[in-house]
Amino acid sequence: MLRVGLTGGIASGKSTVANLFAELGASTIDTDVVAREMVAPGMPGLAMVVSTFGSHIISESGELDRQALRTIVFSDPEQKRKLEAILHPLIRVRALEQLKQLKRSKAPYALVVVPLLLETGFEDLVDRVAVVDCSREAQMRRLLARDDISVAEAEAILDAQATRETRLARADDVIDNGGNIESTRNRVGALHTAYARGQAG
């Protein structure tokens, strides 16, 4: 089973692209979804995060206050490393379990969506790296429109990730998501066909 890692900078359109693959029947594993499961109320991951960062990151409903935690980790690289040290091993174990399940189901390929694929060592879990690409300016526009954050916060988030140049240099396949959705859809369709045959994009 071919394992394809889908990545890209924040607000590059990874979710849109992943959904386009899913519409075509691709088997997908989204590590953002896995991460949310790891820090759901009652899960050990949440207890570990609270132990490290304090109970003030828990909302009145008992759930993780993601905005509060994001403010902490993106303003201090050391705090970010602490969070990653907690979550990444948990996410990795769960992603491997899901990959094994897909292999048993005889899926032709698996799309593993990992926002920080290149930054976190998850690259060794996949056979190919597909990068969703757009300009930093487009990322900034989308991020500010999507999230209730300041320009400074958005810049900090972008700066904490691999550069566009780094991602493109390590990409096996590139999906340009800086234009219209039909262009992106066509590229996804071509890659889906190739991946389903176990071929390069």
N, C-alpha and C. Protein backbone atom coordinates (compact mmCIF):
# COMPACT_ATOMS: atom_id res chain seq x y z
N MET A 1 0.85 -1.20 0.00
CA MET A 1 0.00 0.00 0.00
C MET A 1 0.88 1.25 0.00
N LEU A 2 0.68 2.09 -0.97
CA LEU A 2 1.41 3.35 -1.06
C LEU A 2 0.94 4.29 0.05
N ARG A 3 1.89 4.89 0.75
CA ARG A 3 1.57 5.84 1.82
C ARG A 3 2.02 7.23 1.39
N VAL A 4 1.06 8.13 1.26
CA VAL A 4 1.35 9.49 0.79
C VAL A 4 1.13 10.47 1.94
N GLY A 5 2.14 11.25 2.25
CA GLY A 5 2.01 12.28 3.27
C GLY A 5 1.60 13.58 2.63
N LEU A 6 0.47 14.13 3.05
CA LEU A 6 -0.01 15.41 2.53
C LEU A 6 0.30 16.49 3.56
N THR A 7 1.03 17.51 3.14
CA THR A 7 1.40 18.56 4.06
C THR A 7 1.34 19.92 3.35
N GLY A 8 1.67 20.95 4.09
CA GLY A 8 1.63 22.31 3.57
C GLY A 8 1.57 23.27 4.74
N GLY A 9 1.88 24.51 4.49
CA GLY A 9 1.84 25.51 5.55
C GLY A 9 0.42 25.76 6.02
N ILE A 10 0.30 26.38 7.18
CA ILE A 10 -1.02 26.70 7.71
C ILE A 10 -1.78 27.58 6.73
N ALA A 11 -3.06 27.32 6.57
CA ALA A 11 -3.94 28.08 5.67
C ALA A 11 -3.55 27.95 4.20
N SER A 12 -2.82 26.90 3.86
CA SER A 12 -2.49 26.66 2.45
C SER A 12 -3.63 25.95 1.73
N GLY A 13 -4.52 25.34 2.51
CA GLY A 13 -5.64 24.64 1.91
C GLY A 13 -5.55 23.13 2.01
N LYS A 14 -4.82 22.62 3.00
CA LYS A 14 -4.67 21.17 3.16
C LYS A 14 -6.01 20.48 3.34
N SER A 15 -6.88 21.06 4.15
CA SER A 15 -8.18 20.43 4.40
C SER A 15 -9.00 20.36 3.12
N THR A 16 -8.97 21.43 2.35
CA THR A 16 -9.69 21.44 1.08
C THR A 16 -9.18 20.34 0.16
N VAL A 17 -7.87 20.24 0.06
CA VAL A 17 -7.26 19.23 -0.80
C VAL A 17 -7.55 17.82 -0.28
N ALA A 18 -7.44 17.62 1.03
CA ALA A 18 -7.74 16.31 1.62
C ALA A 18 -9.18 15.92 1.33
N ASN A 19 -10.09 16.88 1.41
CA ASN A 19 -11.50 16.60 1.13
C ASN A 19 -11.71 16.21 -0.33
N LEU A 20 -10.95 16.85 -1.23
CA LEU A 20 -11.05 16.50 -2.65
C LEU A 20 -10.58 15.07 -2.88
N PHE A 21 -9.50 14.67 -2.22
CA PHE A 21 -9.05 13.29 -2.31
C PHE A 21 -10.11 12.34 -1.77
N ALA A 22 -10.68 12.70 -0.61
CA ALA A 22 -11.69 11.84 0.02
C ALA A 22 -12.91 11.66 -0.89
N GLU A 23 -13.30 12.75 -1.58
CA GLU A 23 -14.44 12.67 -2.50
C GLU A 23 -14.20 11.65 -3.61
N LEU A 24 -12.93 11.45 -3.95
CA LEU A 24 -12.57 10.50 -5.00
C LEU A 24 -12.41 9.08 -4.45
N GLY A 25 -12.58 8.95 -3.15
CA GLY A 25 -12.51 7.62 -2.54
C GLY A 25 -11.22 7.29 -1.84
N ALA A 26 -10.34 8.26 -1.69
CA ALA A 26 -9.07 8.01 -1.01
C ALA A 26 -9.29 7.71 0.46
N SER A 27 -8.49 6.81 1.00
CA SER A 27 -8.49 6.52 2.43
C SER A 27 -7.56 7.51 3.11
N THR A 28 -8.09 8.30 4.02
CA THR A 28 -7.30 9.36 4.62
C THR A 28 -7.17 9.20 6.13
N ILE A 29 -6.03 9.62 6.63
CA ILE A 29 -5.77 9.71 8.06
C ILE A 29 -5.36 11.15 8.33
N ASP A 30 -6.13 11.84 9.14
CA ASP A 30 -5.87 13.25 9.42
C ASP A 30 -5.29 13.36 10.82
N THR A 31 -4.02 13.74 10.93
CA THR A 31 -3.39 13.79 12.25
C THR A 31 -3.93 14.93 13.10
N ASP A 32 -4.55 15.93 12.49
CA ASP A 32 -5.21 16.97 13.29
C ASP A 32 -6.40 16.37 14.03
N VAL A 33 -7.14 15.50 13.35
CA VAL A 33 -8.27 14.81 13.98
C VAL A 33 -7.75 13.89 15.09
N VAL A 34 -6.67 13.18 14.81
CA VAL A 34 -6.06 12.31 15.82
C VAL A 34 -5.62 13.13 17.03
N ALA A 35 -5.02 14.29 16.77
CA ALA A 35 -4.54 15.14 17.86
C ALA A 35 -5.70 15.60 18.74
N ARG A 36 -6.83 15.93 18.12
CA ARG A 36 -7.99 16.34 18.90
C ARG A 36 -8.50 15.20 19.76
N GLU A 37 -8.44 13.99 19.21
CA GLU A 37 -8.86 12.82 19.98
C GLU A 37 -7.95 12.61 21.19
N MET A 38 -6.67 12.87 21.02
CA MET A 38 -5.69 12.65 22.09
C MET A 38 -5.89 13.60 23.27
N VAL A 39 -6.49 14.78 23.00
CA VAL A 39 -6.67 15.76 24.08
C VAL A 39 -8.14 15.99 24.39
N ALA A 40 -8.98 15.01 24.04
CA ALA A 40 -10.40 15.10 24.40
C ALA A 40 -10.54 14.89 25.91
N PRO A 41 -11.63 15.41 26.50
CA PRO A 41 -11.84 15.22 27.93
C PRO A 41 -11.75 13.75 28.33
N GLY A 42 -11.00 13.47 29.37
CA GLY A 42 -10.84 12.11 29.86
C GLY A 42 -9.68 11.34 29.25
N MET A 43 -9.06 11.91 28.20
CA MET A 43 -7.95 11.21 27.56
C MET A 43 -6.63 11.53 28.28
N PRO A 44 -5.71 10.57 28.34
CA PRO A 44 -4.42 10.80 29.00
C PRO A 44 -3.65 11.99 28.42
N GLY A 45 -3.79 12.21 27.12
CA GLY A 45 -3.08 13.32 26.50
C GLY A 45 -3.47 14.66 27.09
N LEU A 46 -4.75 14.83 27.37
CA LEU A 46 -5.21 16.09 27.95
C LEU A 46 -4.63 16.27 29.34
N ALA A 47 -4.62 15.21 30.12
CA ALA A 47 -4.06 15.28 31.47
C ALA A 47 -2.59 15.67 31.43
N MET A 48 -1.85 15.14 30.46
CA MET A 48 -0.43 15.47 30.33
C MET A 48 -0.23 16.93 29.93
N VAL A 49 -1.09 17.42 29.05
CA VAL A 49 -0.99 18.82 28.62
C VAL A 49 -1.31 19.76 29.79
N VAL A 50 -2.35 19.44 30.54
CA VAL A 50 -2.72 20.27 31.69
C VAL A 50 -1.61 20.25 32.74
N SER A 51 -1.02 19.09 32.96
CA SER A 51 0.06 18.97 33.93
C SER A 51 1.24 19.85 33.55
N THR A 52 1.47 20.01 32.26
CA THR A 52 2.61 20.80 31.78
C THR A 52 2.30 22.29 31.70
N PHE A 53 1.10 22.64 31.25
CA PHE A 53 0.80 24.05 30.97
C PHE A 53 -0.15 24.71 31.97
N GLY A 54 -0.80 23.93 32.81
CA GLY A 54 -1.68 24.51 33.81
C GLY A 54 -3.16 24.38 33.48
N SER A 55 -3.99 24.45 34.50
CA SER A 55 -5.42 24.23 34.33
C SER A 55 -6.12 25.39 33.63
N HIS A 56 -5.44 26.53 33.48
CA HIS A 56 -6.07 27.68 32.83
C HIS A 56 -6.30 27.45 31.33
N ILE A 57 -5.72 26.38 30.78
CA ILE A 57 -5.96 26.10 29.36
C ILE A 57 -7.19 25.22 29.17
N ILE A 58 -7.93 24.97 30.24
CA ILE A 58 -9.17 24.22 30.14
C ILE A 58 -10.35 25.19 30.19
N SER A 59 -11.28 25.03 29.27
CA SER A 59 -12.45 25.92 29.21
C SER A 59 -13.45 25.53 30.29
N GLU A 60 -14.47 26.35 30.45
CA GLU A 60 -15.51 26.07 31.45
C GLU A 60 -16.24 24.76 31.17
N SER A 61 -16.26 24.35 29.90
CA SER A 61 -16.93 23.10 29.53
C SER A 61 -16.06 21.88 29.78
N GLY A 62 -14.82 22.11 30.22
CA GLY A 62 -13.92 21.00 30.51
C GLY A 62 -13.08 20.56 29.32
N GLU A 63 -13.17 21.31 28.24
CA GLU A 63 -12.40 20.98 27.04
C GLU A 63 -11.16 21.85 26.95
N LEU A 64 -10.23 21.43 26.10
CA LEU A 64 -9.01 22.20 25.89
C LEU A 64 -9.35 23.52 25.20
N ASP A 65 -8.83 24.61 25.76
CA ASP A 65 -8.97 25.93 25.15
C ASP A 65 -7.83 26.08 24.15
N ARG A 66 -8.09 25.76 22.90
CA ARG A 66 -7.03 25.72 21.89
C ARG A 66 -6.40 27.08 21.65
N GLN A 67 -7.21 28.12 21.71
CA GLN A 67 -6.67 29.46 21.49
C GLN A 67 -5.69 29.83 22.60
N ALA A 68 -6.04 29.51 23.84
CA ALA A 68 -5.14 29.81 24.96
C ALA A 68 -3.84 29.04 24.84
N LEU A 69 -3.94 27.78 24.46
CA LEU A 69 -2.73 26.97 24.32
C LEU A 69 -1.90 27.45 23.15
N ARG A 70 -2.55 27.80 22.05
CA ARG A 70 -1.82 28.27 20.88
C ARG A 70 -1.06 29.55 21.19
N THR A 71 -1.68 30.45 21.97
CA THR A 71 -1.01 31.69 22.35
C THR A 71 0.28 31.41 23.10
N ILE A 72 0.23 30.39 23.96
CA ILE A 72 1.41 30.02 24.75
C ILE A 72 2.52 29.45 23.86
N VAL A 73 2.16 28.47 23.04
CA VAL A 73 3.21 27.73 22.33
C VAL A 73 3.80 28.50 21.16
N PHE A 74 3.03 29.39 20.55
CA PHE A 74 3.58 30.12 19.42
C PHE A 74 4.32 31.39 19.84
N SER A 75 4.29 31.71 21.11
CA SER A 75 5.06 32.86 21.60
C SER A 75 6.35 32.42 22.27
N ASP A 76 6.54 31.10 22.42
CA ASP A 76 7.72 30.59 23.12
C ASP A 76 8.11 29.24 22.52
N PRO A 77 9.21 29.18 21.76
CA PRO A 77 9.64 27.93 21.12
C PRO A 77 9.82 26.78 22.10
N GLU A 78 10.26 27.07 23.32
CA GLU A 78 10.46 26.01 24.30
C GLU A 78 9.12 25.38 24.71
N GLN A 79 8.09 26.21 24.87
CA GLN A 79 6.76 25.69 25.20
C GLN A 79 6.20 24.87 24.05
N LYS A 80 6.50 25.30 22.84
CA LYS A 80 6.05 24.55 21.65
C LYS A 80 6.70 23.17 21.64
N ARG A 81 7.99 23.11 21.96
CA ARG A 81 8.69 21.82 22.00
C ARG A 81 8.10 20.91 23.08
N LYS A 82 7.71 21.50 24.20
CA LYS A 82 7.11 20.70 25.27
C LYS A 82 5.80 20.07 24.81
N LEU A 83 4.99 20.86 24.12
CA LEU A 83 3.71 20.33 23.63
C LEU A 83 3.94 19.23 22.60
N GLU A 84 4.88 19.45 21.71
CA GLU A 84 5.17 18.46 20.68
C GLU A 84 5.67 17.16 21.30
N ALA A 85 6.47 17.28 22.37
CA ALA A 85 7.01 16.10 23.03
C ALA A 85 5.90 15.25 23.65
N ILE A 86 4.81 15.90 24.03
CA ILE A 86 3.66 15.18 24.58
C ILE A 86 2.82 14.55 23.47
N LEU A 87 2.47 15.35 22.48
CA LEU A 87 1.48 14.92 21.50
C LEU A 87 2.02 14.05 20.36
N HIS A 88 3.20 14.37 19.86
CA HIS A 88 3.67 13.68 18.67
C HIS A 88 3.83 12.17 18.84
N PRO A 89 4.38 11.69 19.96
CA PRO A 89 4.44 10.22 20.12
C PRO A 89 3.05 9.58 20.15
N LEU A 90 2.08 10.24 20.79
CA LEU A 90 0.71 9.71 20.85
C LEU A 90 0.09 9.67 19.45
N ILE A 91 0.29 10.75 18.70
CA ILE A 91 -0.27 10.84 17.35
C ILE A 91 0.37 9.79 16.44
N ARG A 92 1.67 9.63 16.58
CA ARG A 92 2.40 8.67 15.75
C ARG A 92 1.88 7.24 15.96
N VAL A 93 1.70 6.86 17.21
CA VAL A 93 1.22 5.52 17.53
C VAL A 93 -0.16 5.29 16.90
N ARG A 94 -1.04 6.28 17.06
CA ARG A 94 -2.40 6.13 16.52
C ARG A 94 -2.39 6.11 14.99
N ALA A 95 -1.56 6.94 14.37
CA ALA A 95 -1.47 6.96 12.91
C ALA A 95 -0.97 5.62 12.38
N LEU A 96 -0.01 5.03 13.06
CA LEU A 96 0.50 3.72 12.64
C LEU A 96 -0.57 2.65 12.75
N GLU A 97 -1.37 2.73 13.82
CA GLU A 97 -2.48 1.78 13.98
C GLU A 97 -3.46 1.91 12.82
N GLN A 98 -3.77 3.14 12.44
CA GLN A 98 -4.73 3.35 11.36
C GLN A 98 -4.16 2.90 10.02
N LEU A 99 -2.85 3.10 9.81
CA LEU A 99 -2.22 2.64 8.57
C LEU A 99 -2.29 1.12 8.47
N LYS A 100 -2.08 0.43 9.57
CA LYS A 100 -2.17 -1.03 9.57
C LYS A 100 -3.58 -1.48 9.22
N GLN A 101 -4.58 -0.76 9.77
CA GLN A 101 -5.97 -1.11 9.47
C GLN A 101 -6.28 -0.94 7.99
N LEU A 102 -5.77 0.15 7.39
CA LEU A 102 -6.01 0.39 5.97
C LEU A 102 -5.30 -0.65 5.11
N LYS A 103 -4.11 -1.04 5.53
CA LYS A 103 -3.39 -2.07 4.78
C LYS A 103 -4.15 -3.38 4.78
N ARG A 104 -4.72 -3.73 5.94
CA ARG A 104 -5.51 -4.96 6.03
C ARG A 104 -6.77 -4.88 5.16
N SER A 105 -7.28 -3.66 4.98
CA SER A 105 -8.49 -3.49 4.17
C SER A 105 -8.21 -3.48 2.68
N LYS A 106 -6.91 -3.60 2.33
CA LYS A 106 -6.49 -3.64 0.92
C LYS A 106 -6.69 -2.31 0.20
N ALA A 107 -6.64 -1.20 0.94
CA ALA A 107 -6.73 0.11 0.29
C ALA A 107 -5.52 0.27 -0.63
N PRO A 108 -5.71 0.80 -1.84
CA PRO A 108 -4.58 0.94 -2.78
C PRO A 108 -3.54 1.94 -2.29
N TYR A 109 -3.99 2.98 -1.60
CA TYR A 109 -3.05 3.92 -1.00
C TYR A 109 -3.71 4.63 0.16
N ALA A 110 -2.88 5.18 1.03
CA ALA A 110 -3.38 5.93 2.18
C ALA A 110 -2.83 7.34 2.11
N LEU A 111 -3.71 8.30 2.34
CA LEU A 111 -3.30 9.70 2.40
C LEU A 111 -3.21 10.10 3.87
N VAL A 112 -2.01 10.42 4.33
CA VAL A 112 -1.79 10.80 5.72
C VAL A 112 -1.58 12.31 5.76
N VAL A 113 -2.57 13.01 6.33
CA VAL A 113 -2.51 14.47 6.37
C VAL A 113 -1.77 14.90 7.64
N VAL A 114 -0.59 15.48 7.45
CA VAL A 114 0.25 15.90 8.58
C VAL A 114 0.72 17.33 8.35
N PRO A 115 0.11 18.31 9.03
CA PRO A 115 0.51 19.70 8.81
C PRO A 115 2.02 19.94 8.98
N LEU A 116 2.61 19.33 10.02
CA LEU A 116 4.03 19.54 10.29
C LEU A 116 4.84 18.29 9.93
N LEU A 117 4.55 17.70 8.81
CA LEU A 117 5.20 16.46 8.37
C LEU A 117 6.71 16.59 8.38
N LEU A 118 7.22 17.66 7.80
CA LEU A 118 8.66 17.81 7.64
C LEU A 118 9.34 18.26 8.93
N GLU A 119 8.58 18.91 9.81
CA GLU A 119 9.17 19.45 11.04
C GLU A 119 9.21 18.43 12.17
N THR A 120 8.44 17.34 12.05
CA THR A 120 8.24 16.47 13.21
C THR A 120 8.75 15.04 13.03
N GLY A 121 9.39 14.75 11.90
CA GLY A 121 9.91 13.41 11.69
C GLY A 121 8.89 12.42 11.19
N PHE A 122 7.67 12.87 10.88
CA PHE A 122 6.65 11.97 10.36
C PHE A 122 6.94 11.56 8.92
N GLU A 123 7.91 12.19 8.31
CA GLU A 123 8.24 11.90 6.92
C GLU A 123 8.62 10.44 6.72
N ASP A 124 9.19 9.82 7.78
CA ASP A 124 9.61 8.42 7.63
C ASP A 124 8.45 7.43 7.64
N LEU A 125 7.24 7.93 7.88
CA LEU A 125 6.06 7.06 7.86
C LEU A 125 5.47 6.91 6.47
N VAL A 126 5.92 7.73 5.52
CA VAL A 126 5.28 7.76 4.20
C VAL A 126 6.30 7.48 3.10
N ASP A 127 5.75 7.10 1.93
CA ASP A 127 6.58 6.80 0.77
C ASP A 127 6.78 8.02 -0.12
N ARG A 128 5.77 8.89 -0.12
CA ARG A 128 5.84 10.10 -0.93
C ARG A 128 5.33 11.28 -0.13
N VAL A 129 5.83 12.47 -0.48
CA VAL A 129 5.39 13.70 0.17
C VAL A 129 4.70 14.58 -0.87
N ALA A 130 3.43 14.89 -0.62
CA ALA A 130 2.67 15.80 -1.48
C ALA A 130 2.47 17.10 -0.74
N VAL A 131 2.89 18.19 -1.32
CA VAL A 131 2.83 19.50 -0.67
C VAL A 131 1.75 20.37 -1.30
N VAL A 132 0.86 20.88 -0.46
CA VAL A 132 -0.13 21.87 -0.89
C VAL A 132 0.55 23.22 -0.81
N ASP A 133 0.61 23.92 -1.93
CA ASP A 133 1.42 25.13 -2.00
C ASP A 133 0.60 26.36 -2.36
N CYS A 134 0.94 27.47 -1.73
CA CYS A 134 0.45 28.79 -2.12
C CYS A 134 1.43 29.80 -1.56
N SER A 135 1.30 31.04 -1.93
CA SER A 135 2.23 32.07 -1.47
C SER A 135 2.02 32.38 0.01
N ARG A 136 3.04 32.94 0.65
CA ARG A 136 2.93 33.34 2.04
C ARG A 136 1.86 34.42 2.18
N GLU A 137 1.76 35.29 1.17
CA GLU A 137 0.74 36.34 1.22
C GLU A 137 -0.66 35.75 1.24
N ALA A 138 -0.88 34.71 0.45
CA ALA A 138 -2.18 34.04 0.44
C ALA A 138 -2.44 33.37 1.78
N GLN A 139 -1.41 32.73 2.35
CA GLN A 139 -1.55 32.13 3.68
C GLN A 139 -1.98 33.17 4.70
N MET A 140 -1.31 34.32 4.67
CA MET A 140 -1.60 35.37 5.64
C MET A 140 -3.04 35.86 5.51
N ARG A 141 -3.48 36.09 4.27
CA ARG A 141 -4.85 36.55 4.04
C ARG A 141 -5.85 35.54 4.57
N ARG A 142 -5.64 34.28 4.26
CA ARG A 142 -6.57 33.23 4.68
C ARG A 142 -6.56 33.05 6.19
N LEU A 143 -5.37 33.11 6.78
CA LEU A 143 -5.24 32.91 8.22
C LEU A 143 -5.95 34.01 8.99
N LEU A 144 -5.78 35.25 8.57
CA LEU A 144 -6.42 36.37 9.24
C LEU A 144 -7.94 36.34 9.05
N ALA A 145 -8.38 35.88 7.88
CA ALA A 145 -9.82 35.79 7.62
C ALA A 145 -10.46 34.65 8.40
N ARG A 146 -9.68 33.59 8.62
CA ARG A 146 -10.21 32.39 9.26
C ARG A 146 -10.20 32.47 10.78
N ASP A 147 -9.10 32.99 11.34
CA ASP A 147 -8.90 32.98 12.79
C ASP A 147 -8.94 34.39 13.34
N ASP A 148 -9.41 34.50 14.54
CA ASP A 148 -9.50 35.80 15.21
C ASP A 148 -8.18 36.10 15.91
N ILE A 149 -7.16 36.40 15.10
CA ILE A 149 -5.82 36.67 15.65
C ILE A 149 -5.25 37.94 15.01
N SER A 150 -4.21 38.45 15.63
CA SER A 150 -3.55 39.65 15.12
C SER A 150 -2.56 39.29 14.03
N VAL A 151 -2.10 40.30 13.31
CA VAL A 151 -1.08 40.09 12.28
C VAL A 151 0.18 39.52 12.91
N ALA A 152 0.55 40.03 14.08
CA ALA A 152 1.75 39.55 14.77
C ALA A 152 1.63 38.07 15.13
N GLU A 153 0.46 37.67 15.60
CA GLU A 153 0.25 36.26 15.93
C GLU A 153 0.32 35.39 14.67
N ALA A 154 -0.27 35.88 13.59
CA ALA A 154 -0.23 35.14 12.33
C ALA A 154 1.21 34.99 11.83
N GLU A 155 1.98 36.06 11.93
CA GLU A 155 3.39 36.01 11.52
C GLU A 155 4.16 35.00 12.35
N ALA A 156 3.88 34.96 13.65
CA ALA A 156 4.58 34.03 14.54
C ALA A 156 4.28 32.59 14.17
N ILE A 157 3.02 32.33 13.83
CA ILE A 157 2.63 30.97 13.44
C ILE A 157 3.33 30.57 12.14
N LEU A 158 3.35 31.46 11.16
CA LEU A 158 4.01 31.17 9.89
C LEU A 158 5.50 30.97 10.08
N ASP A 159 6.11 31.79 10.93
CA ASP A 159 7.56 31.71 11.16
C ASP A 159 7.96 30.44 11.90
N ALA A 160 7.00 29.85 12.64
CA ALA A 160 7.31 28.64 13.42
C ALA A 160 7.31 27.39 12.54
N GLN A 161 6.84 27.52 11.31
CA GLN A 161 6.77 26.37 10.41
C GLN A 161 7.92 26.39 9.42
N ALA A 162 8.11 25.26 8.74
CA ALA A 162 9.10 25.20 7.67
C ALA A 162 8.76 26.23 6.61
N THR A 163 9.78 26.74 5.94
CA THR A 163 9.54 27.73 4.91
C THR A 163 8.93 27.08 3.67
N ARG A 164 8.34 27.90 2.85
CA ARG A 164 7.76 27.39 1.60
C ARG A 164 8.84 26.72 0.76
N GLU A 165 10.02 27.32 0.72
CA GLU A 165 11.12 26.79 -0.07
C GLU A 165 11.54 25.40 0.44
N THR A 166 11.57 25.23 1.76
CA THR A 166 11.95 23.94 2.34
C THR A 166 10.94 22.87 1.97
N ARG A 167 9.66 23.22 2.08
CA ARG A 167 8.62 22.24 1.74
C ARG A 167 8.72 21.82 0.27
N LEU A 168 8.88 22.80 -0.61
CA LEU A 168 8.92 22.49 -2.04
C LEU A 168 10.16 21.66 -2.39
N ALA A 169 11.26 21.92 -1.70
CA ALA A 169 12.50 21.18 -1.97
C ALA A 169 12.36 19.71 -1.60
N ARG A 170 11.50 19.42 -0.64
CA ARG A 170 11.35 18.03 -0.17
C ARG A 170 10.09 17.36 -0.71
N ALA A 171 9.38 18.06 -1.59
CA ALA A 171 8.13 17.51 -2.14
C ALA A 171 8.41 16.54 -3.28
N ASP A 172 7.68 15.44 -3.28
CA ASP A 172 7.66 14.55 -4.44
C ASP A 172 6.60 15.03 -5.43
N ASP A 173 5.49 15.55 -4.89
CA ASP A 173 4.40 16.06 -5.71
C ASP A 173 3.95 17.39 -5.12
N VAL A 174 3.60 18.34 -5.97
CA VAL A 174 3.15 19.66 -5.53
C VAL A 174 1.74 19.90 -6.05
N ILE A 175 0.89 20.40 -5.16
CA ILE A 175 -0.48 20.76 -5.52
C ILE A 175 -0.61 22.26 -5.34
N ASP A 176 -0.67 22.98 -6.43
CA ASP A 176 -0.77 24.44 -6.38
C ASP A 176 -2.20 24.81 -5.99
N ASN A 177 -2.34 25.40 -4.81
CA ASN A 177 -3.66 25.82 -4.34
C ASN A 177 -3.74 27.34 -4.23
N GLY A 178 -2.99 28.01 -5.08
CA GLY A 178 -3.01 29.46 -5.06
C GLY A 178 -3.94 30.07 -6.08
N GLY A 179 -4.55 29.21 -6.90
CA GLY A 179 -5.43 29.71 -7.95
C GLY A 179 -6.87 29.33 -7.70
N ASN A 180 -7.55 28.89 -8.76
CA ASN A 180 -8.97 28.55 -8.62
C ASN A 180 -9.13 27.09 -8.21
N ILE A 181 -10.28 26.77 -7.64
CA ILE A 181 -10.53 25.45 -7.09
C ILE A 181 -10.56 24.38 -8.17
N GLU A 182 -10.96 24.71 -9.38
CA GLU A 182 -11.01 23.70 -10.44
C GLU A 182 -9.62 23.23 -10.83
N SER A 183 -8.67 24.15 -10.82
CA SER A 183 -7.28 23.78 -11.11
C SER A 183 -6.76 22.82 -10.04
N THR A 184 -7.08 23.13 -8.78
CA THR A 184 -6.69 22.25 -7.68
C THR A 184 -7.36 20.90 -7.81
N ARG A 185 -8.65 20.91 -8.14
CA ARG A 185 -9.41 19.66 -8.28
C ARG A 185 -8.81 18.78 -9.38
N ASN A 186 -8.41 19.39 -10.48
CA ASN A 186 -7.83 18.62 -11.59
C ASN A 186 -6.50 17.98 -11.18
N ARG A 187 -5.70 18.73 -10.45
CA ARG A 187 -4.41 18.20 -10.00
C ARG A 187 -4.62 17.04 -9.02
N VAL A 188 -5.56 17.20 -8.12
CA VAL A 188 -5.87 16.13 -7.17
C VAL A 188 -6.35 14.88 -7.91
N GLY A 189 -7.19 15.07 -8.91
CA GLY A 189 -7.69 13.94 -9.68
C GLY A 189 -6.58 13.16 -10.36
N ALA A 190 -5.63 13.90 -10.92
CA ALA A 190 -4.50 13.25 -11.59
C ALA A 190 -3.64 12.48 -10.60
N LEU A 191 -3.40 13.08 -9.44
CA LEU A 191 -2.60 12.41 -8.42
C LEU A 191 -3.33 11.18 -7.86
N HIS A 192 -4.63 11.31 -7.66
CA HIS A 192 -5.42 10.18 -7.13
C HIS A 192 -5.30 8.98 -8.07
N THR A 193 -5.42 9.23 -9.35
CA THR A 193 -5.31 8.15 -10.32
C THR A 193 -3.95 7.49 -10.27
N ALA A 194 -2.90 8.32 -10.19
CA ALA A 194 -1.54 7.79 -10.13
C ALA A 194 -1.29 7.01 -8.85
N TYR A 195 -1.72 7.58 -7.73
CA TYR A 195 -1.50 6.91 -6.43
C TYR A 195 -2.25 5.58 -6.35
N ALA A 196 -3.46 5.55 -6.90
CA ALA A 196 -4.25 4.33 -6.87
C ALA A 196 -3.58 3.20 -7.65
N ARG A 197 -2.72 3.59 -8.60
CA ARG A 197 -1.97 2.61 -9.38
C ARG A 197 -0.61 2.34 -8.74
N GLY A 198 -0.35 2.99 -7.59
CA GLY A 198 0.93 2.82 -6.94
C GLY A 198 2.05 3.53 -7.63
N GLN A 199 1.70 4.59 -8.39
CA GLN A 199 2.70 5.29 -9.19
C GLN A 199 2.98 6.68 -8.63
N ALA A 200 4.06 7.26 -9.13
CA ALA A 200 4.41 8.63 -8.77
C ALA A 200 3.42 9.58 -9.43
N GLY A 201 3.25 10.75 -8.80
CA GLY A 201 2.33 11.72 -9.35
C GLY A 201 2.92 12.52 -10.48
